[in-house]
Amino acid sequence: MQDGEGSRRPVKTAKGALPSDEIWHNTSYQDRFGIFCERLMAEQLYDAACYVTSSAENPKPIELVESLDWRHFSAAINARLTYLKDLGLPG
């Protein structure tokens, strides 16, 4: 994600027919994306996710959420590969 002022500051929650989850209130786009990725993993829809931000001024990746950093992502991928290998896949 682009690391800029617009993605770092809290944004309003859109009003709709159904109330939004309180976790989204007073959060930035960067925070929301981290929450979204953590939920994908908690609901076992994704095995792993890696979330980084950077900007043209500072292109070095910034890992905002420890559980979504490269170390955790690569460990999850390696664990999945080992699991598949132990099953004899691909066969």
PDB file of N, CA and C in Angstrom:
ATOM      1  N   MET A   1       0.839  -1.163   0.000  1.00  0.00           N
ATOM      2  CA  MET A   1       0.000   0.000   0.000  1.00  0.00           C
ATOM      3  C   MET A   1       0.892   1.235   0.000  1.00  0.00           C
ATOM      4  N   GLN A   2       0.429   2.261  -0.664  1.00  0.00           N
ATOM      5  CA  GLN A   2       1.145   3.547  -0.667  1.00  0.00           C
ATOM      6  C   GLN A   2       1.192   4.104   0.754  1.00  0.00           C
ATOM      7  N   ASP A   3       2.371   4.431   1.206  1.00  0.00           N
ATOM      8  CA  ASP A   3       2.510   5.041   2.524  1.00  0.00           C
ATOM      9  C   ASP A   3       2.465   6.552   2.337  1.00  0.00           C
ATOM     10  N   GLY A   4       1.307   7.107   2.550  1.00  0.00           N
ATOM     11  CA  GLY A   4       1.130   8.549   2.425  1.00  0.00           C
ATOM     12  C   GLY A   4       0.176   9.052   3.480  1.00  0.00           C
ATOM     13  N   GLU A   5       0.106  10.359   3.604  1.00  0.00           N
ATOM     14  CA  GLU A   5      -0.759  10.968   4.616  1.00  0.00           C
ATOM     15  C   GLU A   5      -2.202  10.480   4.476  1.00  0.00           C
ATOM     16  N   GLY A   6      -2.682  10.379   3.257  1.00  0.00           N
ATOM     17  CA  GLY A   6      -4.064   9.959   3.033  1.00  0.00           C
ATOM     18  C   GLY A   6      -4.364   8.544   3.488  1.00  0.00           C
ATOM     19  N   SER A   7      -3.382   7.668   3.445  1.00  0.00           N
ATOM     20  CA  SER A   7      -3.615   6.290   3.870  1.00  0.00           C
ATOM     21  C   SER A   7      -3.324   6.085   5.356  1.00  0.00           C
ATOM     22  N   ARG A   8      -2.672   7.066   6.002  1.00  0.00           N
ATOM     23  CA  ARG A   8      -2.324   6.953   7.421  1.00  0.00           C
ATOM     24  C   ARG A   8      -3.329   7.596   8.365  1.00  0.00           C
ATOM     25  N   ARG A   9      -4.081   8.567   7.898  1.00  0.00           N
ATOM     26  CA  ARG A   9      -4.987   9.270   8.819  1.00  0.00           C
ATOM     27  C   ARG A   9      -6.357   8.572   8.864  1.00  0.00           C
ATOM     28  N   PRO A  10      -7.032   8.660  10.007  1.00  0.00           N
ATOM     29  CA  PRO A  10      -8.353   8.033  10.129  1.00  0.00           C
ATOM     30  C   PRO A  10      -9.340   8.614   9.109  1.00  0.00           C
ATOM     31  N   VAL A  11     -10.192   7.741   8.607  1.00  0.00           N
ATOM     32  CA  VAL A  11     -11.218   8.144   7.651  1.00  0.00           C
ATOM     33  C   VAL A  11     -12.592   7.820   8.218  1.00  0.00           C
ATOM     34  N   LYS A  12     -13.600   8.492   7.689  1.00  0.00           N
ATOM     35  CA  LYS A  12     -14.966   8.257   8.151  1.00  0.00           C
ATOM     36  C   LYS A  12     -15.464   6.902   7.674  1.00  0.00           C
ATOM     37  N   THR A  13     -16.362   6.337   8.450  1.00  0.00           N
ATOM     38  CA  THR A  13     -17.007   5.091   8.080  1.00  0.00           C
ATOM     39  C   THR A  13     -18.292   5.442   7.348  1.00  0.00           C
ATOM     40  N   ALA A  14     -18.475   4.865   6.170  1.00  0.00           N
ATOM     41  CA  ALA A  14     -19.666   5.149   5.357  1.00  0.00           C
ATOM     42  C   ALA A  14     -20.920   4.646   6.065  1.00  0.00           C
ATOM     43  N   LYS A  15     -21.981   5.408   5.958  1.00  0.00           N
ATOM     44  CA  LYS A  15     -23.273   4.998   6.520  1.00  0.00           C
ATOM     45  C   LYS A  15     -23.974   4.123   5.493  1.00  0.00           C
ATOM     46  N   GLY A  16     -24.598   3.065   5.958  1.00  0.00           N
ATOM     47  CA  GLY A  16     -25.303   2.162   5.060  1.00  0.00           C
ATOM     48  C   GLY A  16     -26.538   1.600   5.731  1.00  0.00           C
ATOM     49  N   ALA A  17     -27.157   0.655   5.062  1.00  0.00           N
ATOM     50  CA  ALA A  17     -28.379   0.038   5.588  1.00  0.00           C
ATOM     51  C   ALA A  17     -28.102  -0.763   6.857  1.00  0.00           C
ATOM     52  N   LEU A  18     -26.900  -1.318   6.958  1.00  0.00           N
ATOM     53  CA  LEU A  18     -26.527  -2.094   8.135  1.00  0.00           C
ATOM     54  C   LEU A  18     -25.413  -1.371   8.887  1.00  0.00           C
ATOM     55  N   PRO A  19     -25.411  -1.492  10.196  1.00  0.00           N
ATOM     56  CA  PRO A  19     -24.342  -0.823  10.962  1.00  0.00           C
ATOM     57  C   PRO A  19     -22.998  -1.483  10.694  1.00  0.00           C
ATOM     58  N   SER A  20     -21.943  -0.688  10.705  1.00  0.00           N
ATOM     59  CA  SER A  20     -20.605  -1.242  10.492  1.00  0.00           C
ATOM     60  C   SER A  20     -20.016  -1.699  11.823  1.00  0.00           C
ATOM     61  N   ASP A  21     -19.111  -2.619  11.746  1.00  0.00           N
ATOM     62  CA  ASP A  21     -18.409  -3.138  12.911  1.00  0.00           C
ATOM     63  C   ASP A  21     -17.605  -1.998  13.534  1.00  0.00           C
ATOM     64  N   GLU A  22     -17.640  -1.891  14.844  1.00  0.00           N
ATOM     65  CA  GLU A  22     -16.931  -0.822  15.553  1.00  0.00           C
ATOM     66  C   GLU A  22     -15.430  -0.799  15.265  1.00  0.00           C
ATOM     67  N   ILE A  23     -14.867  -1.946  14.913  1.00  0.00           N
ATOM     68  CA  ILE A  23     -13.420  -2.016  14.677  1.00  0.00           C
ATOM     69  C   ILE A  23     -12.982  -1.102  13.539  1.00  0.00           C
ATOM     70  N   TRP A  24     -13.901  -0.777  12.620  1.00  0.00           N
ATOM     71  CA  TRP A  24     -13.560   0.059  11.467  1.00  0.00           C
ATOM     72  C   TRP A  24     -13.610   1.552  11.795  1.00  0.00           C
ATOM     73  N   HIS A  25     -14.259   1.922  12.892  1.00  0.00           N
ATOM     74  CA  HIS A  25     -14.436   3.331  13.217  1.00  0.00           C
ATOM     75  C   HIS A  25     -13.115   3.974  13.629  1.00  0.00           C
ATOM     76  N   ASN A  26     -12.879   5.158  13.124  1.00  0.00           N
ATOM     77  CA  ASN A  26     -11.697   5.959  13.467  1.00  0.00           C
ATOM     78  C   ASN A  26     -10.380   5.245  13.128  1.00  0.00           C
ATOM     79  N   THR A  27     -10.365   4.529  12.009  1.00  0.00           N
ATOM     80  CA  THR A  27      -9.155   3.855  11.562  1.00  0.00           C
ATOM     81  C   THR A  27      -8.745   4.376  10.192  1.00  0.00           C
ATOM     82  N   SER A  28      -7.478   4.236   9.885  1.00  0.00           N
ATOM     83  CA  SER A  28      -6.942   4.657   8.588  1.00  0.00           C
ATOM     84  C   SER A  28      -7.105   3.517   7.584  1.00  0.00           C
ATOM     85  N   TYR A  29      -6.860   3.826   6.322  1.00  0.00           N
ATOM     86  CA  TYR A  29      -6.877   2.783   5.301  1.00  0.00           C
ATOM     87  C   TYR A  29      -5.802   1.738   5.587  1.00  0.00           C
ATOM     88  N   GLN A  30      -4.651   2.175   6.083  1.00  0.00           N
ATOM     89  CA  GLN A  30      -3.595   1.227   6.421  1.00  0.00           C
ATOM     90  C   GLN A  30      -4.038   0.292   7.544  1.00  0.00           C
ATOM     91  N   ASP A  31      -4.672   0.852   8.573  1.00  0.00           N
ATOM     92  CA  ASP A  31      -5.172   0.029   9.677  1.00  0.00           C
ATOM     93  C   ASP A  31      -6.236  -0.947   9.179  1.00  0.00           C
ATOM     94  N   ARG A  32      -7.142  -0.470   8.373  1.00  0.00           N
ATOM     95  CA  ARG A  32      -8.244  -1.305   7.873  1.00  0.00           C
ATOM     96  C   ARG A  32      -7.728  -2.473   7.052  1.00  0.00           C
ATOM     97  N   PHE A  33      -6.709  -2.229   6.234  1.00  0.00           N
ATOM     98  CA  PHE A  33      -6.192  -3.320   5.421  1.00  0.00           C
ATOM     99  C   PHE A  33      -5.512  -4.368   6.288  1.00  0.00           C
ATOM    100  N   GLY A  34      -4.810  -3.941   7.335  1.00  0.00           N
ATOM    101  CA  GLY A  34      -4.211  -4.886   8.275  1.00  0.00           C
ATOM    102  C   GLY A  34      -5.281  -5.728   8.963  1.00  0.00           C
ATOM    103  N   ILE A  35      -6.353  -5.099   9.405  1.00  0.00           N
ATOM    104  CA  ILE A  35      -7.470  -5.810  10.037  1.00  0.00           C
ATOM    105  C   ILE A  35      -8.079  -6.809   9.057  1.00  0.00           C
ATOM    106  N   PHE A  36      -8.286  -6.365   7.824  1.00  0.00           N
ATOM    107  CA  PHE A  36      -8.860  -7.218   6.789  1.00  0.00           C
ATOM    108  C   PHE A  36      -7.999  -8.466   6.567  1.00  0.00           C
ATOM    109  N   CYS A  37      -6.696  -8.291   6.424  1.00  0.00           N
ATOM    110  CA  CYS A  37      -5.794  -9.426   6.201  1.00  0.00           C
ATOM    111  C   CYS A  37      -5.778 -10.366   7.404  1.00  0.00           C
ATOM    112  N   GLU A  38      -5.758  -9.820   8.610  1.00  0.00           N
ATOM    113  CA  GLU A  38      -5.781 -10.661   9.809  1.00  0.00           C
ATOM    114  C   GLU A  38      -7.074 -11.470   9.879  1.00  0.00           C
ATOM    115  N   ARG A  39      -8.183 -10.884   9.477  1.00  0.00           N
ATOM    116  CA  ARG A  39      -9.459 -11.604   9.483  1.00  0.00           C
ATOM    117  C   ARG A  39      -9.483 -12.705   8.437  1.00  0.00           C
ATOM    118  N   LEU A  40      -8.911 -12.455   7.272  1.00  0.00           N
ATOM    119  CA  LEU A  40      -8.839 -13.499   6.243  1.00  0.00           C
ATOM    120  C   LEU A  40      -8.109 -14.720   6.776  1.00  0.00           C
ATOM    121  N   MET A  41      -7.061 -14.488   7.530  1.00  0.00           N
ATOM    122  CA  MET A  41      -6.300 -15.593   8.095  1.00  0.00           C
ATOM    123  C   MET A  41      -7.038 -16.223   9.272  1.00  0.00           C
ATOM    124  N   ALA A  42      -7.651 -15.433  10.123  1.00  0.00           N
ATOM    125  CA  ALA A  42      -8.378 -15.967  11.276  1.00  0.00           C
ATOM    126  C   ALA A  42      -9.551 -16.842  10.840  1.00  0.00           C
ATOM    127  N   GLU A  43     -10.191 -16.473   9.736  1.00  0.00           N
ATOM    128  CA  GLU A  43     -11.324 -17.245   9.213  1.00  0.00           C
ATOM    129  C   GLU A  43     -10.856 -18.365   8.285  1.00  0.00           C
ATOM    130  N   GLN A  44      -9.556 -18.563   8.209  1.00  0.00           N
ATOM    131  CA  GLN A  44      -8.912 -19.605   7.418  1.00  0.00           C
ATOM    132  C   GLN A  44      -9.287 -19.547   5.937  1.00  0.00           C
ATOM    133  N   LEU A  45      -9.506 -18.328   5.454  1.00  0.00           N
ATOM    134  CA  LEU A  45      -9.723 -18.123   4.027  1.00  0.00           C
ATOM    135  C   LEU A  45      -8.387 -18.005   3.306  1.00  0.00           C
ATOM    136  N   TYR A  46      -7.355 -17.532   4.025  1.00  0.00           N
ATOM    137  CA  TYR A  46      -5.982 -17.440   3.527  1.00  0.00           C
ATOM    138  C   TYR A  46      -5.084 -18.167   4.512  1.00  0.00           C
ATOM    139  N   ASP A  47      -4.065 -18.817   3.994  1.00  0.00           N
ATOM    140  CA  ASP A  47      -3.056 -19.437   4.858  1.00  0.00           C
ATOM    141  C   ASP A  47      -2.092 -18.393   5.381  1.00  0.00           C
ATOM    142  N   ALA A  48      -1.816 -17.384   4.566  1.00  0.00           N
ATOM    143  CA  ALA A  48      -0.837 -16.371   4.926  1.00  0.00           C
ATOM    144  C   ALA A  48      -1.086 -15.108   4.121  1.00  0.00           C
ATOM    145  N   ALA A  49      -0.607 -14.008   4.639  1.00  0.00           N
ATOM    146  CA  ALA A  49      -0.655 -12.731   3.926  1.00  0.00           C
ATOM    147  C   ALA A  49       0.550 -11.917   4.363  1.00  0.00           C
ATOM    148  N   CYS A  50       1.063 -11.131   3.443  1.00  0.00           N
ATOM    149  CA  CYS A  50       2.171 -10.236   3.740  1.00  0.00           C
ATOM    150  C   CYS A  50       1.716  -8.830   3.386  1.00  0.00           C
ATOM    151  N   TYR A  51       1.779  -7.922   4.337  1.00  0.00           N
ATOM    152  CA  TYR A  51       1.290  -6.557   4.151  1.00  0.00           C
ATOM    153  C   TYR A  51       2.420  -5.571   4.404  1.00  0.00           C
ATOM    154  N   VAL A  52       2.778  -4.830   3.366  1.00  0.00           N
ATOM    155  CA  VAL A  52       3.825  -3.817   3.482  1.00  0.00           C
ATOM    156  C   VAL A  52       3.341  -2.509   2.872  1.00  0.00           C
ATOM    157  N   THR A  53       3.942  -1.431   3.322  1.00  0.00           N
ATOM    158  CA  THR A  53       3.699  -0.120   2.729  1.00  0.00           C
ATOM    159  C   THR A  53       5.044   0.462   2.319  1.00  0.00           C
ATOM    160  N   SER A  54       4.998   1.406   1.396  1.00  0.00           N
ATOM    161  CA  SER A  54       6.198   2.143   1.014  1.00  0.00           C
ATOM    162  C   SER A  54       5.764   3.391   0.264  1.00  0.00           C
ATOM    163  N   SER A  55       6.715   4.245   0.003  1.00  0.00           N
ATOM    164  CA  SER A  55       6.417   5.474  -0.734  1.00  0.00           C
ATOM    165  C   SER A  55       7.575   5.765  -1.683  1.00  0.00           C
ATOM    166  N   ALA A  56       7.344   6.663  -2.608  1.00  0.00           N
ATOM    167  CA  ALA A  56       8.409   7.056  -3.533  1.00  0.00           C
ATOM    168  C   ALA A  56       9.564   7.699  -2.771  1.00  0.00           C
ATOM    169  N   GLU A  57       9.243   8.450  -1.713  1.00  0.00           N
ATOM    170  CA  GLU A  57      10.277   9.112  -0.913  1.00  0.00           C
ATOM    171  C   GLU A  57      11.079   8.108  -0.083  1.00  0.00           C
ATOM    172  N   ASN A  58      10.404   7.055   0.382  1.00  0.00           N
ATOM    173  CA  ASN A  58      11.039   6.025   1.199  1.00  0.00           C
ATOM    174  C   ASN A  58      10.597   4.662   0.668  1.00  0.00           C
ATOM    175  N   PRO A  59      11.260   4.162  -0.378  1.00  0.00           N
ATOM    176  CA  PRO A  59      10.813   2.918  -1.007  1.00  0.00           C
ATOM    177  C   PRO A  59      11.070   1.653  -0.182  1.00  0.00           C
ATOM    178  N   LYS A  60      11.807   1.765   0.913  1.00  0.00           N
ATOM    179  CA  LYS A  60      12.030   0.591   1.752  1.00  0.00           C
ATOM    180  C   LYS A  60      10.688   0.127   2.332  1.00  0.00           C
ATOM    181  N   PRO A  61      10.364  -1.171   2.197  1.00  0.00           N
ATOM    182  CA  PRO A  61       9.080  -1.664   2.726  1.00  0.00           C
ATOM    183  C   PRO A  61       8.962  -1.464   4.233  1.00  0.00           C
ATOM    184  N   ILE A  62       7.778  -1.096   4.664  1.00  0.00           N
ATOM    185  CA  ILE A  62       7.459  -0.940   6.086  1.00  0.00           C
ATOM    186  C   ILE A  62       6.416  -1.995   6.427  1.00  0.00           C
ATOM    187  N   GLU A  63       6.703  -2.823   7.423  1.00  0.00           N
ATOM    188  CA  GLU A  63       5.775  -3.863   7.860  1.00  0.00           C
ATOM    189  C   GLU A  63       5.044  -3.347   9.099  1.00  0.00           C
ATOM    190  N   LEU A  64       3.768  -3.030   8.942  1.00  0.00           N
ATOM    191  CA  LEU A  64       2.998  -2.400  10.018  1.00  0.00           C
ATOM    192  C   LEU A  64       2.445  -3.383  11.037  1.00  0.00           C
ATOM    193  N   VAL A  65       2.181  -4.613  10.607  1.00  0.00           N
ATOM    194  CA  VAL A  65       1.554  -5.608  11.478  1.00  0.00           C
ATOM    195  C   VAL A  65       2.487  -6.814  11.566  1.00  0.00           C
ATOM    196  N   GLU A  66       2.949  -7.129  12.763  1.00  0.00           N
ATOM    197  CA  GLU A  66       3.948  -8.194  12.925  1.00  0.00           C
ATOM    198  C   GLU A  66       3.475  -9.519  12.342  1.00  0.00           C
ATOM    199  N   SER A  67       2.225  -9.882  12.568  1.00  0.00           N
ATOM    200  CA  SER A  67       1.727 -11.169  12.061  1.00  0.00           C
ATOM    201  C   SER A  67       1.601 -11.197  10.542  1.00  0.00           C
ATOM    202  N   LEU A  68       1.733 -10.043   9.902  1.00  0.00           N
ATOM    203  CA  LEU A  68       1.634  -9.956   8.442  1.00  0.00           C
ATOM    204  C   LEU A  68       2.972  -9.584   7.811  1.00  0.00           C
ATOM    205  N   ASP A  69       4.063  -9.795   8.551  1.00  0.00           N
ATOM    206  CA  ASP A  69       5.378  -9.445   8.008  1.00  0.00           C
ATOM    207  C   ASP A  69       5.926 -10.581   7.142  1.00  0.00           C
ATOM    208  N   TRP A  70       7.041 -10.301   6.472  1.00  0.00           N
ATOM    209  CA  TRP A  70       7.639 -11.277   5.557  1.00  0.00           C
ATOM    210  C   TRP A  70       8.055 -12.549   6.282  1.00  0.00           C
ATOM    211  N   ARG A  71       8.557 -12.433   7.484  1.00  0.00           N
ATOM    212  CA  ARG A  71       9.018 -13.607   8.241  1.00  0.00           C
ATOM    213  C   ARG A  71       7.871 -14.584   8.466  1.00  0.00           C
ATOM    214  N   HIS A  72       6.719 -14.076   8.913  1.00  0.00           N
ATOM    215  CA  HIS A  72       5.558 -14.938   9.133  1.00  0.00           C
ATOM    216  C   HIS A  72       5.015 -15.495   7.817  1.00  0.00           C
ATOM    217  N   PHE A  73       4.993 -14.654   6.789  1.00  0.00           N
ATOM    218  CA  PHE A  73       4.490 -15.076   5.479  1.00  0.00           C
ATOM    219  C   PHE A  73       5.334 -16.217   4.910  1.00  0.00           C
ATOM    220  N   SER A  74       6.650 -16.040   4.906  1.00  0.00           N
ATOM    221  CA  SER A  74       7.513 -17.071   4.328  1.00  0.00           C
ATOM    222  C   SER A  74       7.473 -18.359   5.160  1.00  0.00           C
ATOM    223  N   ALA A  75       7.342 -18.250   6.478  1.00  0.00           N
ATOM    224  CA  ALA A  75       7.232 -19.443   7.321  1.00  0.00           C
ATOM    225  C   ALA A  75       5.952 -20.209   7.000  1.00  0.00           C
ATOM    226  N   ALA A  76       4.857 -19.494   6.773  1.00  0.00           N
ATOM    227  CA  ALA A  76       3.592 -20.149   6.436  1.00  0.00           C
ATOM    228  C   ALA A  76       3.666 -20.830   5.074  1.00  0.00           C
ATOM    229  N   ILE A  77       4.304 -20.194   4.113  1.00  0.00           N
ATOM    230  CA  ILE A  77       4.456 -20.792   2.781  1.00  0.00           C
ATOM    231  C   ILE A  77       5.323 -22.044   2.873  1.00  0.00           C
ATOM    232  N   ASN A  78       6.432 -21.964   3.600  1.00  0.00           N
ATOM    233  CA  ASN A  78       7.303 -23.129   3.764  1.00  0.00           C
ATOM    234  C   ASN A  78       6.580 -24.277   4.471  1.00  0.00           C
ATOM    235  N   ALA A  79       5.767 -23.953   5.464  1.00  0.00           N
ATOM    236  CA  ALA A  79       5.004 -24.991   6.163  1.00  0.00           C
ATOM    237  C   ALA A  79       4.006 -25.657   5.220  1.00  0.00           C
ATOM    238  N   ARG A  80       3.365 -24.874   4.370  1.00  0.00           N
ATOM    239  CA  ARG A  80       2.408 -25.448   3.414  1.00  0.00           C
ATOM    240  C   ARG A  80       3.119 -26.343   2.405  1.00  0.00           C
ATOM    241  N   LEU A  81       4.284 -25.924   1.932  1.00  0.00           N
ATOM    242  CA  LEU A  81       5.045 -26.737   0.987  1.00  0.00           C
ATOM    243  C   LEU A  81       5.476 -28.064   1.616  1.00  0.00           C
ATOM    244  N   THR A  82       5.898 -28.015   2.873  1.00  0.00           N
ATOM    245  CA  THR A  82       6.269 -29.238   3.586  1.00  0.00           C
ATOM    246  C   THR A  82       5.065 -30.156   3.733  1.00  0.00           C
ATOM    247  N   TYR A  83       3.932 -29.601   4.071  1.00  0.00           N
ATOM    248  CA  TYR A  83       2.689 -30.368   4.221  1.00  0.00           C
ATOM    249  C   TYR A  83       2.345 -31.077   2.909  1.00  0.00           C
ATOM    250  N   LEU A  84       2.380 -30.366   1.802  1.00  0.00           N
ATOM    251  CA  LEU A  84       2.058 -30.951   0.502  1.00  0.00           C
ATOM    252  C   LEU A  84       3.084 -32.017   0.109  1.00  0.00           C
ATOM    253  N   LYS A  85       4.352 -31.750   0.377  1.00  0.00           N
ATOM    254  CA  LYS A  85       5.405 -32.726   0.071  1.00  0.00           C
ATOM    255  C   LYS A  85       5.182 -34.003   0.858  1.00  0.00           C
ATOM    256  N   ASP A  86       4.833 -33.880   2.148  1.00  0.00           N
ATOM    257  CA  ASP A  86       4.583 -35.060   2.986  1.00  0.00           C
ATOM    258  C   ASP A  86       3.387 -35.859   2.498  1.00  0.00           C
ATOM    259  N   LEU A  87       2.468 -35.217   1.809  1.00  0.00           N
ATOM    260  CA  LEU A  87       1.306 -35.911   1.222  1.00  0.00           C
ATOM    261  C   LEU A  87       1.633 -36.517  -0.139  1.00  0.00           C
ATOM    262  N   GLY A  88       2.853 -36.244  -0.613  1.00  0.00           N
ATOM    263  CA  GLY A  88       3.244 -36.756  -1.924  1.00  0.00           C
ATOM    264  C   GLY A  88       2.742 -35.913  -3.077  1.00  0.00           C
ATOM    265  N   LEU A  89       2.438 -34.662  -2.800  1.00  0.00           N
ATOM    266  CA  LEU A  89       1.919 -33.761  -3.843  1.00  0.00           C
ATOM    267  C   LEU A  89       2.998 -32.776  -4.249  1.00  0.00           C
ATOM    268  N   PRO A  90       3.101 -32.356  -5.457  1.00  0.00           N
ATOM    269  CA  PRO A  90       2.317 -32.915  -6.567  1.00  0.00           C
ATOM    270  C   PRO A  90       2.827 -34.304  -6.911  1.00  0.00           C
ATOM    271  N   GLY A  91       1.943 -35.122  -7.398  1.00  0.00           N
ATOM    272  CA  GLY A  91       2.293 -36.525  -7.635  1.00  0.00           C
ATOM    273  C   GLY A  91       2.311 -36.854  -9.015  1.00  0.00           C
TER     274      GLY A  91
END
